[in-house]
């Protein structure tokens, strides 16, 4: 049986990925919080906080693949939590790349963000030049730095960089975009739109994200791939879809003099070498609303 290390194993994507990996992989699951109880498959939990002091010596001496999903949850807390963000997003990436090389890993999958493209009216493709400075912000800057570090290891193993766009699904933290929109519709709080329709995005259901990682772990060679959903929606479209499922009319607040910051990922490469996304938002939001895990998190302030 092949073995893998998965960081961020208790997160949204990580928890769904573990379920998909268990039949065929021996998993070392790295997370600072406990995992959901399970009796299925070969799984070892390694309680490691990548934001603190840690050593790769706690990881298995040999491994076939490393999937680095961990990301700092303090993305809005700059400069107060800048060091922690850097430790998780960048410093730990280098430590894990070095570990993967020494442990004989064939494949390293790095979770990056579609946000590194910035924003614009076009659909962003993987061959576009990503801005090394400007208005990306500290958090996305650390993700871009992680990609640069990973590029240096392509001669030693398969390095697959996956740029995720607005992943959502059961178990997601309440301060993320889609849960915040759901709460706004439920409570009748206005959803602010940049322009009459708001920004355009192609949100990704977590099952499509997990399936993309599974396929990436089987690739030969090194690749950068957008991982996004099958349809482009405006924020108004998303609010209306949520409202239809909740039986509530969403309230919108238009900022007519604001230019919308669209962020849409081109998914042609994803469809060609991984797998095309299949979950449309109207179905994915039902999955989210009907999950028990949606209500297990206390409300958090919107940022």
Protein backbone atom coordinates (compact mmCIF):
# COMPACT_ATOMS: atom_id res chain seq x y z
CA UNK A 1 0.00 0.00 0.00
CA UNK A 2 1.29 3.45 -0.90
CA UNK A 3 1.79 6.01 1.86
CA UNK A 4 1.15 9.73 2.01
CA UNK A 5 1.39 12.67 4.38
CA UNK A 6 -1.56 15.09 4.34
CA UNK A 7 -1.29 18.41 6.17
CA UNK A 8 -4.37 20.42 7.06
CA UNK A 9 -6.12 17.08 7.45
CA UNK A 10 -8.89 18.42 9.69
CA UNK A 11 -9.74 21.29 7.33
CA UNK A 12 -12.52 21.45 4.77
CA UNK A 13 -10.62 19.92 1.85
CA UNK A 14 -8.43 17.72 4.05
CA UNK A 15 -11.27 16.00 5.86
CA UNK A 16 -12.99 15.14 2.57
CA UNK A 17 -9.72 14.03 1.01
CA UNK A 18 -9.04 11.58 3.85
CA UNK A 19 -12.31 9.81 3.14
CA UNK A 20 -11.36 9.43 -0.51
CA UNK A 21 -7.80 8.26 0.24
CA UNK A 22 -8.53 5.68 2.93
CA UNK A 23 -9.30 2.68 0.70
CA UNK A 24 -5.94 2.78 -1.08
CA UNK A 25 -3.44 4.80 0.96
CA UNK A 26 -1.73 4.57 4.35
CA UNK A 27 -2.17 8.13 5.61
CA UNK A 28 -0.20 10.22 8.08
CA UNK A 29 -2.68 13.01 8.79
CA UNK A 30 -1.11 16.21 10.11
CA UNK A 31 -3.34 18.68 11.95
CA UNK A 32 -3.29 20.67 15.15
CA UNK A 33 -6.90 19.74 15.92
CA UNK A 34 -8.43 16.27 16.34
CA UNK A 35 -9.79 14.40 13.36
CA UNK A 36 -13.31 13.09 12.99
CA UNK A 37 -13.48 9.58 14.52
CA UNK A 38 -13.23 6.74 12.05
CA UNK A 39 -12.38 3.06 11.99
CA UNK A 40 -11.81 2.83 8.26
CA UNK A 41 -8.49 2.48 6.49
CA UNK A 42 -4.90 3.01 7.53
CA UNK A 43 -4.67 6.41 9.21
CA UNK A 44 -2.26 7.87 11.76
CA UNK A 45 -2.97 11.28 13.26
CA UNK A 46 0.09 13.47 13.88
CA UNK A 47 -0.87 16.44 16.12
CA UNK A 48 1.44 19.11 14.70
CA UNK A 49 0.93 22.88 14.70
CA UNK A 50 2.72 24.17 11.61
CA UNK A 51 2.48 27.73 12.93
CA UNK A 52 4.74 26.83 15.86
CA UNK A 53 8.05 25.08 16.34
CA UNK A 54 8.00 21.63 14.76
CA UNK A 55 10.38 19.20 13.12
CA UNK A 56 9.92 16.92 10.08
CA UNK A 57 11.39 14.17 12.27
CA UNK A 58 7.84 13.51 13.49
CA UNK A 59 6.89 12.44 9.97
CA UNK A 60 7.43 8.93 8.52
CA UNK A 61 11.00 8.26 7.30
CA UNK A 62 9.70 7.09 3.92
CA UNK A 63 6.65 8.27 2.01
CA UNK A 64 5.29 8.11 -1.53
CA UNK A 65 3.43 11.44 -1.63
CA UNK A 66 2.97 14.64 0.36
CA UNK A 67 -0.20 16.73 0.06
CA UNK A 68 0.26 20.12 1.70
CA UNK A 69 -3.21 21.56 2.31
CA UNK A 70 -2.57 23.43 5.56
CA UNK A 71 -3.08 27.16 5.40
CA UNK A 72 -3.23 29.81 8.06
CA UNK A 73 -6.71 30.78 9.20
CA UNK A 74 -5.46 34.25 10.18
CA UNK A 75 -5.55 35.63 6.65
CA UNK A 76 -7.31 38.82 7.75
CA UNK A 77 -5.02 39.52 10.72
CA UNK A 78 -2.13 41.45 9.22
CA UNK A 79 0.28 42.53 10.57
CA UNK A 80 -0.69 41.11 13.98
CA UNK A 81 -0.42 37.44 12.91
CA UNK A 82 2.00 37.87 10.00
CA UNK A 83 4.60 35.54 11.47
CA UNK A 84 2.10 32.71 11.93
CA UNK A 85 0.75 33.15 8.41
CA UNK A 86 4.28 33.00 7.00
CA UNK A 87 5.16 29.93 9.08
CA UNK A 88 2.18 27.93 7.83
CA UNK A 89 1.99 29.13 4.23
CA UNK A 90 5.67 29.50 3.33
CA UNK A 91 8.17 28.24 5.89
CA UNK A 92 6.35 24.95 6.41
CA UNK A 93 6.15 24.50 2.63
CA UNK A 94 9.94 24.60 2.39
CA UNK A 95 10.31 22.22 5.34
CA UNK A 96 7.87 19.78 3.75
CA UNK A 97 9.48 20.00 0.31
CA UNK A 98 12.84 19.17 1.86
CA UNK A 99 11.27 16.35 3.87
CA UNK A 100 9.51 14.93 0.81
CA UNK A 101 12.77 14.87 -1.15
CA UNK A 102 14.65 13.16 1.70
CA UNK A 103 11.82 10.68 2.31
CA UNK A 104 11.80 9.57 -1.33
CA UNK A 105 8.42 11.01 -2.24
CA UNK A 106 7.46 10.73 -5.88
CA UNK A 107 4.83 13.48 -5.74
CA UNK A 108 4.28 16.73 -3.84
CA UNK A 109 0.86 18.40 -4.14
CA UNK A 110 0.73 22.02 -2.98
CA UNK A 111 -2.57 23.77 -2.32
CA UNK A 112 -2.31 27.33 -3.55
CA UNK A 113 -4.97 29.95 -4.26
CA UNK A 114 -6.55 31.40 -7.37
CA UNK A 115 -6.28 34.71 -5.55
CA UNK A 116 -2.64 35.01 -6.59
CA UNK A 117 -3.83 36.16 -10.04
CA UNK A 118 -5.27 39.31 -8.54
CA UNK A 119 -8.56 40.18 -10.23
CA UNK A 120 -9.86 41.12 -13.67
CA UNK A 121 -12.54 40.65 -16.29
CA UNK A 122 -10.86 37.69 -18.01
CA UNK A 123 -10.77 34.05 -16.97
CA UNK A 124 -7.34 33.44 -15.50
CA UNK A 125 -5.19 30.73 -17.06
CA UNK A 126 -2.23 28.97 -15.50
CA UNK A 127 0.20 30.44 -18.05
CA UNK A 128 -0.54 34.03 -17.07
CA UNK A 129 2.20 35.89 -15.24
CA UNK A 130 1.30 36.23 -11.57
CA UNK A 131 2.04 39.62 -9.99
CA UNK A 132 4.99 39.43 -7.57
CA UNK A 133 3.92 42.60 -5.80
CA UNK A 134 1.17 45.18 -5.68
CA UNK A 135 -2.20 44.72 -4.03
CA UNK A 136 -2.13 40.94 -3.50
CA UNK A 137 -1.75 41.41 0.23
CA UNK A 138 0.44 39.54 2.69
CA UNK A 139 -1.53 36.28 2.81
CA UNK A 140 -1.61 35.75 -0.95
CA UNK A 141 2.00 36.91 -1.13
CA UNK A 142 3.00 34.04 1.15
CA UNK A 143 1.08 31.59 -1.08
CA UNK A 144 2.88 32.92 -4.17
CA UNK A 145 6.22 32.58 -2.36
CA UNK A 146 5.36 28.94 -1.59
CA UNK A 147 4.82 28.31 -5.30
CA UNK A 148 8.21 29.81 -6.11
CA UNK A 149 9.89 27.55 -3.55
CA UNK A 150 8.09 24.49 -4.92
CA UNK A 151 9.26 25.20 -8.48
CA UNK A 152 12.84 24.53 -7.41
CA UNK A 153 12.02 20.89 -6.60
CA UNK A 154 10.57 19.90 -9.98
CA UNK A 155 13.82 18.12 -10.91
CA UNK A 156 13.51 15.89 -7.86
CA UNK A 157 9.83 14.88 -7.85
CA UNK A 158 6.47 15.60 -9.40
CA UNK A 159 5.35 18.97 -8.04
CA UNK A 160 1.66 19.67 -8.61
CA UNK A 161 0.46 23.16 -7.68
CA UNK A 162 -3.32 23.37 -7.41
CA UNK A 163 -4.81 26.87 -7.38
CA UNK A 164 -8.18 26.56 -5.67
CA UNK A 165 -11.05 28.98 -6.31
CA UNK A 166 -13.63 29.56 -3.54
CA UNK A 167 -14.01 26.02 -2.21
CA UNK A 168 -17.18 25.41 -0.19
CA UNK A 169 -18.94 22.45 1.38
CA UNK A 170 -20.06 20.69 4.57
CA UNK A 171 -17.90 21.50 7.57
CA UNK A 172 -16.68 24.87 6.30
CA UNK A 173 -15.85 27.59 8.82
CA UNK A 174 -18.55 30.20 9.18
CA UNK A 175 -16.24 33.12 8.36
CA UNK A 176 -15.70 31.94 4.78
CA UNK A 177 -17.56 33.41 1.80
CA UNK A 178 -20.40 30.96 1.12
CA UNK A 179 -21.35 30.37 4.79
CA UNK A 180 -21.31 34.14 5.32
CA UNK A 181 -23.68 34.61 2.39
CA UNK A 182 -25.97 31.88 3.75
CA UNK A 183 -26.08 33.61 7.11
CA UNK A 184 -26.82 36.95 5.46
CA UNK A 185 -29.77 35.51 3.55
CA UNK A 186 -31.10 33.72 6.63
CA UNK A 187 -30.88 36.85 8.78
CA UNK A 188 -31.96 39.34 6.11
CA UNK A 189 -28.61 41.12 6.25
CA UNK A 190 -27.80 43.00 3.03
CA UNK A 191 -25.26 41.40 0.70
CA UNK A 192 -23.03 44.14 -0.65
CA UNK A 193 -22.53 44.02 -4.43
CA UNK A 194 -19.77 45.72 -6.37
CA UNK A 195 -21.91 47.08 -9.20
CA UNK A 196 -25.42 45.77 -9.98
CA UNK A 197 -24.46 42.07 -10.07
CA UNK A 198 -21.39 41.88 -7.84
CA UNK A 199 -18.18 40.00 -8.49
CA UNK A 200 -18.14 36.93 -10.73
CA UNK A 201 -16.55 33.71 -9.43
CA UNK A 202 -16.72 29.97 -10.16
CA UNK A 203 -17.03 28.37 -6.69
CA UNK A 204 -15.78 24.82 -6.20
CA UNK A 205 -17.62 22.14 -4.23
CA UNK A 206 -15.28 20.33 -1.87
CA UNK A 207 -15.99 16.95 -3.49
CA UNK A 208 -14.67 18.29 -6.81
CA UNK A 209 -11.63 19.69 -4.98
CA UNK A 210 -10.89 16.35 -3.31
CA UNK A 211 -11.28 14.46 -6.58
CA UNK A 212 -8.87 16.86 -8.27
CA UNK A 213 -6.25 16.11 -5.60
CA UNK A 214 -6.71 12.36 -6.03
CA UNK A 215 -6.09 12.71 -9.77
CA UNK A 216 -3.12 15.05 -9.17
CA UNK A 217 -1.46 12.42 -7.00
CA UNK A 218 -1.34 10.10 -10.03
CA UNK A 219 0.19 12.60 -12.48
CA UNK A 220 3.66 12.36 -13.97
CA UNK A 221 5.66 15.54 -14.33
CA UNK A 222 5.09 18.90 -12.70
CA UNK A 223 2.03 21.06 -13.33
CA UNK A 224 0.16 24.17 -12.20
CA UNK A 225 -3.60 23.69 -12.40
CA UNK A 226 -6.61 25.82 -11.56
CA UNK A 227 -9.25 23.99 -9.54
CA UNK A 228 -12.61 25.74 -9.88
CA UNK A 229 -16.29 25.00 -10.30
CA UNK A 230 -18.20 24.29 -13.52
CA UNK A 231 -20.16 27.58 -13.73
CA UNK A 232 -19.42 31.27 -13.49
CA UNK A 233 -21.81 33.07 -11.15
CA UNK A 234 -22.21 36.61 -9.93
CA UNK A 235 -22.62 37.31 -6.23
CA UNK A 236 -26.25 38.16 -7.00
CA UNK A 237 -26.68 34.76 -8.68
CA UNK A 238 -25.24 33.03 -5.61
CA UNK A 239 -27.42 34.99 -3.20
CA UNK A 240 -30.54 34.19 -5.23
CA UNK A 241 -29.66 30.48 -5.37
CA UNK A 242 -29.25 30.42 -1.59
CA UNK A 243 -32.51 32.32 -1.16
CA UNK A 244 -34.40 29.79 -3.30
CA UNK A 245 -33.17 26.93 -1.13
CA UNK A 246 -33.94 28.75 2.12
CA UNK A 247 -37.27 30.13 0.97
CA UNK A 248 -36.12 33.66 1.74
CA UNK A 249 -35.68 36.69 -0.49
CA UNK A 250 -32.06 37.91 -0.27
CA UNK A 251 -31.40 41.58 0.38
CA UNK A 252 -28.79 43.26 -1.81
CA UNK A 253 -26.97 46.56 -1.38
CA UNK A 254 -25.54 47.81 -4.66
CA UNK A 255 -22.40 49.95 -4.77
CA UNK A 256 -23.01 51.43 -8.21
CA UNK A 257 -19.77 53.43 -8.32
CA UNK A 258 -17.54 50.44 -7.45
CA UNK A 259 -15.66 48.37 -10.02
CA UNK A 260 -16.21 44.65 -9.33
CA UNK A 261 -13.11 42.56 -8.66
CA UNK A 262 -13.95 39.42 -10.62
CA UNK A 263 -11.94 36.26 -10.01
CA UNK A 264 -12.73 33.41 -12.39
CA UNK A 265 -10.43 30.47 -13.06
CA UNK A 266 -10.10 28.88 -16.49
CA UNK A 267 -10.73 25.15 -15.95
CA UNK A 268 -9.70 23.73 -19.31
CA UNK A 269 -6.44 22.31 -17.96
CA UNK A 270 -8.26 20.86 -14.95
CA UNK A 271 -10.73 19.11 -17.26
CA UNK A 272 -7.99 17.82 -19.55
CA UNK A 273 -5.46 16.36 -17.13
CA UNK A 274 -7.39 15.92 -13.87
CA UNK A 275 -11.17 15.70 -14.11
CA UNK A 276 -13.87 18.24 -14.95
CA UNK A 277 -15.85 19.59 -11.98
CA UNK A 278 -19.38 18.24 -11.81
CA UNK A 279 -21.18 19.85 -8.85
CA UNK A 280 -23.28 22.85 -9.82
CA UNK A 281 -23.86 25.45 -7.13
CA UNK A 282 -27.61 24.88 -6.82
CA UNK A 283 -26.85 21.27 -5.85
CA UNK A 284 -23.76 21.99 -3.79
CA UNK A 285 -25.54 24.52 -1.61
CA UNK A 286 -28.23 21.93 -0.80
CA UNK A 287 -25.45 19.62 0.35
CA UNK A 288 -24.08 22.37 2.57
CA UNK A 289 -27.42 23.42 4.03
CA UNK A 290 -28.51 19.87 4.78
CA UNK A 291 -25.26 18.83 6.49
CA UNK A 292 -25.25 18.53 10.25
CA UNK A 293 -21.75 20.02 10.29
CA UNK A 294 -23.02 23.38 9.00
CA UNK A 295 -24.52 24.27 12.36
CA UNK A 296 -21.79 22.91 14.61
CA UNK A 297 -19.68 26.07 14.39
CA UNK A 298 -20.53 29.19 16.43
CA UNK A 299 -21.17 32.41 14.51
CA UNK A 300 -18.06 34.46 13.76
CA UNK A 301 -17.65 38.09 12.79
CA UNK A 302 -17.67 38.78 9.09
CA UNK A 303 -14.48 40.28 7.77
